[in-house]
């Protein structure tokens, strides 16, 4: 994991190199391994040290999650040591094997939902926002693919609906994600993988 802090303090002259880092995992003469993941943190430009909006091409290659400030109770628990504890380690090899085994089916199902929604709502495929909000999440051909991968991943790993929609919204924006969630909820089709062995049945209602 490569963690880039205070991203909104990067001046515009650094945005082209950022594209290479995020998209190609290359910085200067260094090529990061294929499995490297880039994470970043940033304050809003208006309260960053010498803050700048992200260039739209940079913003469109990132997922944007708004991290809420801790409540007074949560902050107090942290200060008093109540937030400390042991985090149970995960079995990365087991998770990787599960992803390898289930990814094709999960991604196909997520792709069917994304493409079905976009075909029904073609205006939601690419909505570059106006200047000033283009440094946040917005739908494009690229971010819809990323949102589809987020949908497949969170479904495969058994994440909650809230987590899934948060991560879909991180790529295409919360407004479009809400439209997608409402549309997807009306698609009452069964799991296609469960039909052949009789685990689910389906009767078409014209």
Protein backbone atom coordinates (compact mmCIF):
# COMPACT_ATOMS: atom_id res chain seq x y z
CA UNK A 1 0.00 0.00 0.00
CA UNK A 2 1.30 3.43 -0.97
CA UNK A 3 -0.29 6.12 1.19
CA UNK A 4 -0.26 9.71 -0.11
CA UNK A 5 -1.14 12.22 2.60
CA UNK A 6 -2.46 15.79 2.21
CA UNK A 7 -3.31 15.19 -1.46
CA UNK A 8 -5.19 18.48 -1.77
CA UNK A 9 -1.96 20.34 -0.99
CA UNK A 10 -0.39 19.10 -4.23
CA UNK A 11 -0.12 22.03 -6.67
CA UNK A 12 -1.48 21.64 -10.22
CA UNK A 13 2.05 21.08 -11.57
CA UNK A 14 2.13 17.76 -9.69
CA UNK A 15 -1.17 16.48 -11.06
CA UNK A 16 0.29 14.96 -14.26
CA UNK A 17 2.80 12.84 -12.26
CA UNK A 18 -0.08 11.85 -9.97
CA UNK A 19 -1.89 10.43 -13.00
CA UNK A 20 1.06 8.15 -13.71
CA UNK A 21 1.19 7.06 -10.08
CA UNK A 22 -2.51 6.28 -9.82
CA UNK A 23 -3.09 4.85 -13.30
CA UNK A 24 0.18 3.11 -14.22
CA UNK A 25 1.73 2.67 -10.74
CA UNK A 26 4.81 4.49 -12.02
CA UNK A 27 6.54 7.41 -10.31
CA UNK A 28 9.72 8.86 -11.79
CA UNK A 29 11.81 5.89 -12.87
CA UNK A 30 10.21 3.51 -10.39
CA UNK A 31 7.56 0.97 -11.39
CA UNK A 32 5.50 -0.24 -8.46
CA UNK A 33 4.42 -3.89 -8.37
CA UNK A 34 1.12 -4.82 -10.01
CA UNK A 35 -0.43 -5.62 -6.63
CA UNK A 36 0.35 -2.18 -5.17
CA UNK A 37 -2.64 -0.11 -4.08
CA UNK A 38 -2.64 3.68 -3.80
CA UNK A 39 -4.53 5.33 -0.95
CA UNK A 40 -4.68 9.04 -0.24
CA UNK A 41 -6.06 11.41 2.37
CA UNK A 42 -6.94 15.06 1.91
CA UNK A 43 -8.61 17.92 3.65
CA UNK A 44 -11.06 20.03 1.65
CA UNK A 45 -9.01 22.59 -0.34
CA UNK A 46 -10.43 25.50 1.64
CA UNK A 47 -8.92 24.17 4.89
CA UNK A 48 -5.79 22.50 3.51
CA UNK A 49 -2.29 23.95 3.67
CA UNK A 50 -2.12 25.76 0.34
CA UNK A 51 -5.10 23.77 -0.89
CA UNK A 52 -5.94 23.03 -4.52
CA UNK A 53 -8.84 21.26 -6.19
CA UNK A 54 -7.86 18.00 -7.87
CA UNK A 55 -7.76 18.11 -11.65
CA UNK A 56 -10.80 16.26 -13.05
CA UNK A 57 -8.68 13.47 -14.65
CA UNK A 58 -7.02 12.82 -11.27
CA UNK A 59 -10.28 12.90 -9.35
CA UNK A 60 -11.88 10.55 -11.86
CA UNK A 61 -9.29 7.88 -11.14
CA UNK A 62 -9.92 7.81 -7.39
CA UNK A 63 -12.68 6.69 -5.10
CA UNK A 64 -13.82 9.48 -2.75
CA UNK A 65 -15.07 8.56 0.73
CA UNK A 66 -16.10 11.38 3.04
CA UNK A 67 -14.75 10.44 6.47
CA UNK A 68 -16.95 11.93 9.24
CA UNK A 69 -15.41 13.68 12.21
CA UNK A 70 -15.64 11.63 15.42
CA UNK A 71 -18.40 12.50 17.83
CA UNK A 72 -17.57 13.91 21.26
CA UNK A 73 -18.22 10.46 22.75
CA UNK A 74 -16.01 8.66 20.23
CA UNK A 75 -13.20 11.18 20.68
CA UNK A 76 -13.47 10.89 24.46
CA UNK A 77 -13.33 7.08 24.27
CA UNK A 78 -10.22 7.36 22.13
CA UNK A 79 -8.53 9.76 24.53
CA UNK A 80 -9.38 7.55 27.52
CA UNK A 81 -8.13 4.41 25.80
CA UNK A 82 -11.50 2.87 25.11
CA UNK A 83 -10.83 2.63 21.40
CA UNK A 84 -7.73 0.50 21.82
CA UNK A 85 -7.87 -3.23 21.29
CA UNK A 86 -6.54 -6.15 19.35
CA UNK A 87 -7.54 -6.38 15.70
CA UNK A 88 -8.01 -9.95 14.62
CA UNK A 89 -5.66 -10.73 11.71
CA UNK A 90 -7.19 -11.80 8.42
CA UNK A 91 -6.22 -14.82 6.36
CA UNK A 92 -5.14 -13.05 3.17
CA UNK A 93 -4.41 -16.31 1.34
CA UNK A 94 -7.90 -17.66 2.05
CA UNK A 95 -9.54 -14.43 0.91
CA UNK A 96 -7.42 -14.41 -2.26
CA UNK A 97 -8.43 -18.00 -3.02
CA UNK A 98 -12.09 -17.12 -2.50
CA UNK A 99 -11.82 -14.15 -4.83
CA UNK A 100 -10.14 -16.30 -7.49
CA UNK A 101 -12.93 -18.87 -7.23
CA UNK A 102 -15.92 -16.52 -7.22
CA UNK A 103 -14.81 -13.38 -9.05
CA UNK A 104 -16.02 -14.25 -12.55
CA UNK A 105 -19.59 -14.91 -11.45
CA UNK A 106 -19.74 -11.93 -9.08
CA UNK A 107 -18.32 -9.52 -11.65
CA UNK A 108 -20.71 -10.80 -14.33
CA UNK A 109 -23.69 -10.19 -12.02
CA UNK A 110 -22.44 -6.72 -11.06
CA UNK A 111 -21.79 -5.88 -14.72
CA UNK A 112 -25.33 -6.89 -15.62
CA UNK A 113 -26.68 -4.46 -13.04
CA UNK A 114 -24.40 -1.59 -14.08
CA UNK A 115 -25.04 -1.96 -17.80
CA UNK A 116 -28.77 -2.46 -17.26
CA UNK A 117 -28.95 0.75 -15.26
CA UNK A 118 -26.88 2.73 -17.76
CA UNK A 119 -28.97 1.50 -20.69
CA UNK A 120 -32.12 2.54 -18.86
CA UNK A 121 -30.51 5.84 -17.81
CA UNK A 122 -27.95 6.75 -20.50
CA UNK A 123 -27.50 10.24 -19.09
CA UNK A 124 -25.94 8.69 -15.97
CA UNK A 125 -23.02 7.18 -17.88
CA UNK A 126 -20.94 10.35 -18.11
CA UNK A 127 -21.71 13.44 -16.05
CA UNK A 128 -18.68 15.63 -15.69
CA UNK A 129 -19.67 18.20 -13.06
CA UNK A 130 -19.17 21.92 -13.20
CA UNK A 131 -15.90 23.50 -12.14
CA UNK A 132 -15.45 23.41 -8.39
CA UNK A 133 -17.07 20.00 -7.90
CA UNK A 134 -15.11 18.13 -10.57
CA UNK A 135 -12.49 17.23 -7.95
CA UNK A 136 -14.94 14.83 -6.31
CA UNK A 137 -16.62 11.62 -7.44
CA UNK A 138 -18.50 11.77 -10.74
CA UNK A 139 -19.76 9.15 -13.20
CA UNK A 140 -17.74 8.31 -16.29
CA UNK A 141 -16.99 5.22 -18.33
CA UNK A 142 -13.96 4.65 -16.09
CA UNK A 143 -15.65 5.17 -12.72
CA UNK A 144 -18.61 2.97 -13.67
CA UNK A 145 -16.14 0.13 -14.24
CA UNK A 146 -14.53 0.87 -10.86
CA UNK A 147 -17.96 1.03 -9.19
CA UNK A 148 -18.85 -2.30 -10.79
CA UNK A 149 -15.70 -3.85 -9.35
CA UNK A 150 -16.57 -2.37 -5.95
CA UNK A 151 -20.06 -3.87 -6.20
CA UNK A 152 -18.67 -7.29 -7.10
CA UNK A 153 -16.00 -7.17 -4.38
CA UNK A 154 -18.29 -6.11 -1.55
CA UNK A 155 -20.91 -8.68 -2.57
CA UNK A 156 -18.31 -11.43 -2.74
CA UNK A 157 -16.90 -10.54 0.69
CA UNK A 158 -20.31 -10.24 2.33
CA UNK A 159 -20.13 -6.52 3.13
CA UNK A 160 -23.22 -4.67 4.29
CA UNK A 161 -25.51 -2.83 1.89
CA UNK A 162 -24.37 0.47 3.41
CA UNK A 163 -20.73 -0.37 2.76
CA UNK A 164 -21.47 -1.46 -0.80
CA UNK A 165 -23.38 1.73 -1.62
CA UNK A 166 -20.73 3.90 0.07
CA UNK A 167 -18.05 2.42 -2.17
CA UNK A 168 -20.18 2.60 -5.33
CA UNK A 169 -20.90 6.25 -4.50
CA UNK A 170 -17.19 6.81 -3.92
CA UNK A 171 -16.67 6.35 -7.65
CA UNK A 172 -19.83 7.61 -9.39
CA UNK A 173 -21.06 10.06 -6.75
CA UNK A 174 -23.73 9.67 -4.09
CA UNK A 175 -26.61 11.03 -6.18
CA UNK A 176 -26.08 8.60 -9.06
CA UNK A 177 -25.39 5.77 -6.61
CA UNK A 178 -28.75 6.43 -4.95
CA UNK A 179 -30.49 6.26 -8.34
CA UNK A 180 -28.65 3.03 -9.09
CA UNK A 181 -29.64 1.51 -5.72
CA UNK A 182 -33.31 2.33 -6.28
CA UNK A 183 -33.21 0.86 -9.79
CA UNK A 184 -31.34 -2.27 -8.69
CA UNK A 185 -33.86 -2.89 -5.90
CA UNK A 186 -36.60 -3.20 -8.53
CA UNK A 187 -34.72 -5.86 -10.48
CA UNK A 188 -36.13 -8.96 -8.81
CA UNK A 189 -34.21 -11.46 -10.92
CA UNK A 190 -32.77 -14.54 -9.21
CA UNK A 191 -29.11 -15.46 -9.01
CA UNK A 192 -28.45 -16.98 -12.44
CA UNK A 193 -25.80 -19.28 -10.99
CA UNK A 194 -28.38 -20.82 -8.64
CA UNK A 195 -30.99 -21.62 -11.31
CA UNK A 196 -29.47 -24.71 -13.03
CA UNK A 197 -29.16 -26.71 -9.81
CA UNK A 198 -32.63 -25.76 -8.57
CA UNK A 199 -31.55 -23.62 -5.62
CA UNK A 200 -33.72 -20.82 -7.02
CA UNK A 201 -36.67 -20.76 -9.35
CA UNK A 202 -38.00 -18.04 -11.58
CA UNK A 203 -41.32 -17.46 -13.36
CA UNK A 204 -41.44 -14.56 -15.78
CA UNK A 205 -44.18 -12.02 -15.12
CA UNK A 206 -44.77 -10.16 -18.41
